[in-house]
Amino acid sequence: MVTVEWGKLHNEELTDLHSSPNIIRVMKSSRIRWAGHVKCSGERRDAYGVLLWKSERKMPLGRPRLR
């Protein structure tokens, strides 16, 4: 017979219990991996230009105004 003790668990304890990967870390590593592929592809590819593109104007902060 197994006795179960109920109580609150902190986020760290839950991640240790389920051993699921940290989604933020997975997303960052996939972006870095993609950037490495694009960099190796060379300047003749369109994705390389997108990787180095800088916006010339800033987007306004907050929610867009209703018209």
C-alpha atoms as a PDB file:
ATOM      1  CA  MET A   1       0.000   0.000   0.000  1.00  0.00           C
ATOM      2  CA  VAL A   2       1.319   3.426  -0.987  1.00  0.00           C
ATOM      3  CA  THR A   3       0.511   6.460   1.104  1.00  0.00           C
ATOM      4  CA  VAL A   4       0.324   9.734  -0.746  1.00  0.00           C
ATOM      5  CA  GLU A   5       1.024  12.990   1.039  1.00  0.00           C
ATOM      6  CA  TRP A   6      -0.750  16.001  -0.442  1.00  0.00           C
ATOM      7  CA  GLY A   7       0.769  19.432  -0.474  1.00  0.00           C
ATOM      8  CA  LYS A   8       1.852  22.342  -2.610  1.00  0.00           C
ATOM      9  CA  LEU A   9       4.775  21.877  -4.958  1.00  0.00           C
ATOM     10  CA  HIS A  10       7.029  24.646  -6.218  1.00  0.00           C
ATOM     11  CA  ASN A  11       7.752  25.014  -9.939  1.00  0.00           C
ATOM     12  CA  GLU A  12      11.260  23.589  -9.565  1.00  0.00           C
ATOM     13  CA  GLU A  13       9.898  20.505  -7.828  1.00  0.00           C
ATOM     14  CA  LEU A  14       7.310  20.007 -10.574  1.00  0.00           C
ATOM     15  CA  THR A  15       9.900  20.229 -13.336  1.00  0.00           C
ATOM     16  CA  ASP A  16      12.121  17.776 -11.495  1.00  0.00           C
ATOM     17  CA  LEU A  17       9.169  15.439 -11.009  1.00  0.00           C
ATOM     18  CA  HIS A  18       8.105  15.431 -14.658  1.00  0.00           C
ATOM     19  CA  SER A  19      11.572  15.983 -16.127  1.00  0.00           C
ATOM     20  CA  SER A  20      10.126  17.892 -19.065  1.00  0.00           C
ATOM     21  CA  PRO A  21      12.505  20.160 -20.981  1.00  0.00           C
ATOM     22  CA  ASN A  22      12.441  23.894 -20.371  1.00  0.00           C
ATOM     23  CA  ILE A  23      10.457  25.280 -23.321  1.00  0.00           C
ATOM     24  CA  ILE A  24      12.321  28.617 -23.326  1.00  0.00           C
ATOM     25  CA  ARG A  25      15.670  26.835 -23.548  1.00  0.00           C
ATOM     26  CA  VAL A  26      14.391  24.578 -26.343  1.00  0.00           C
ATOM     27  CA  MET A  27      13.123  27.559 -28.368  1.00  0.00           C
ATOM     28  CA  LYS A  28      16.354  29.520 -27.939  1.00  0.00           C
ATOM     29  CA  SER A  29      18.491  26.557 -28.983  1.00  0.00           C
ATOM     30  CA  SER A  30      16.363  25.966 -32.082  1.00  0.00           C
ATOM     31  CA  ARG A  31      16.670  29.651 -33.065  1.00  0.00           C
ATOM     32  CA  ILE A  32      20.436  29.545 -32.622  1.00  0.00           C
ATOM     33  CA  ARG A  33      20.629  26.347 -34.659  1.00  0.00           C
ATOM     34  CA  TRP A  34      18.539  27.951 -37.452  1.00  0.00           C
ATOM     35  CA  ALA A  35      20.755  31.051 -37.432  1.00  0.00           C
ATOM     36  CA  GLY A  36      23.810  28.818 -37.819  1.00  0.00           C
ATOM     37  CA  HIS A  37      22.271  27.107 -40.856  1.00  0.00           C
ATOM     38  CA  VAL A  38      21.406  30.456 -42.428  1.00  0.00           C
ATOM     39  CA  LYS A  39      24.881  31.843 -41.789  1.00  0.00           C
ATOM     40  CA  CYS A  40      26.487  28.839 -43.473  1.00  0.00           C
ATOM     41  CA  SER A  41      24.139  29.110 -46.463  1.00  0.00           C
ATOM     42  CA  GLY A  42      25.821  32.335 -47.586  1.00  0.00           C
ATOM     43  CA  GLU A  43      24.805  35.804 -48.667  1.00  0.00           C
ATOM     44  CA  ARG A  44      23.044  34.714 -51.850  1.00  0.00           C
ATOM     45  CA  ARG A  45      20.072  33.300 -49.920  1.00  0.00           C
ATOM     46  CA  ASP A  46      17.067  35.454 -48.937  1.00  0.00           C
ATOM     47  CA  ALA A  47      17.069  34.132 -45.379  1.00  0.00           C
ATOM     48  CA  TYR A  48      20.555  35.578 -44.820  1.00  0.00           C
ATOM     49  CA  GLY A  49      19.241  39.079 -45.529  1.00  0.00           C
ATOM     50  CA  VAL A  50      16.347  38.531 -43.134  1.00  0.00           C
ATOM     51  CA  LEU A  51      18.794  37.423 -40.447  1.00  0.00           C
ATOM     52  CA  LEU A  52      20.791  40.664 -40.726  1.00  0.00           C
ATOM     53  CA  TRP A  53      17.839  43.021 -41.381  1.00  0.00           C
ATOM     54  CA  LYS A  54      17.346  45.990 -39.041  1.00  0.00           C
ATOM     55  CA  SER A  55      14.105  47.921 -38.883  1.00  0.00           C
ATOM     56  CA  GLU A  56      14.434  51.646 -39.530  1.00  0.00           C
ATOM     57  CA  ARG A  57      11.372  52.657 -37.553  1.00  0.00           C
ATOM     58  CA  LYS A  58      10.121  51.742 -34.133  1.00  0.00           C
ATOM     59  CA  MET A  59       6.724  50.248 -33.541  1.00  0.00           C
ATOM     60  CA  PRO A  60       4.589  52.178 -31.036  1.00  0.00           C
ATOM     61  CA  LEU A  61       4.248  50.634 -27.610  1.00  0.00           C
ATOM     62  CA  GLY A  62       0.958  49.258 -26.375  1.00  0.00           C
ATOM     63  CA  ARG A  63      -2.250  48.216 -27.987  1.00  0.00           C
ATOM     64  CA  PRO A  64      -3.162  49.679 -31.394  1.00  0.00           C
ATOM     65  CA  ARG A  65      -5.765  52.433 -31.290  1.00  0.00           C
ATOM     66  CA  LEU A  66      -9.282  51.621 -32.515  1.00  0.00           C
ATOM     67  CA  ARG A  67     -10.497  53.615 -35.490  1.00  0.00           C
END
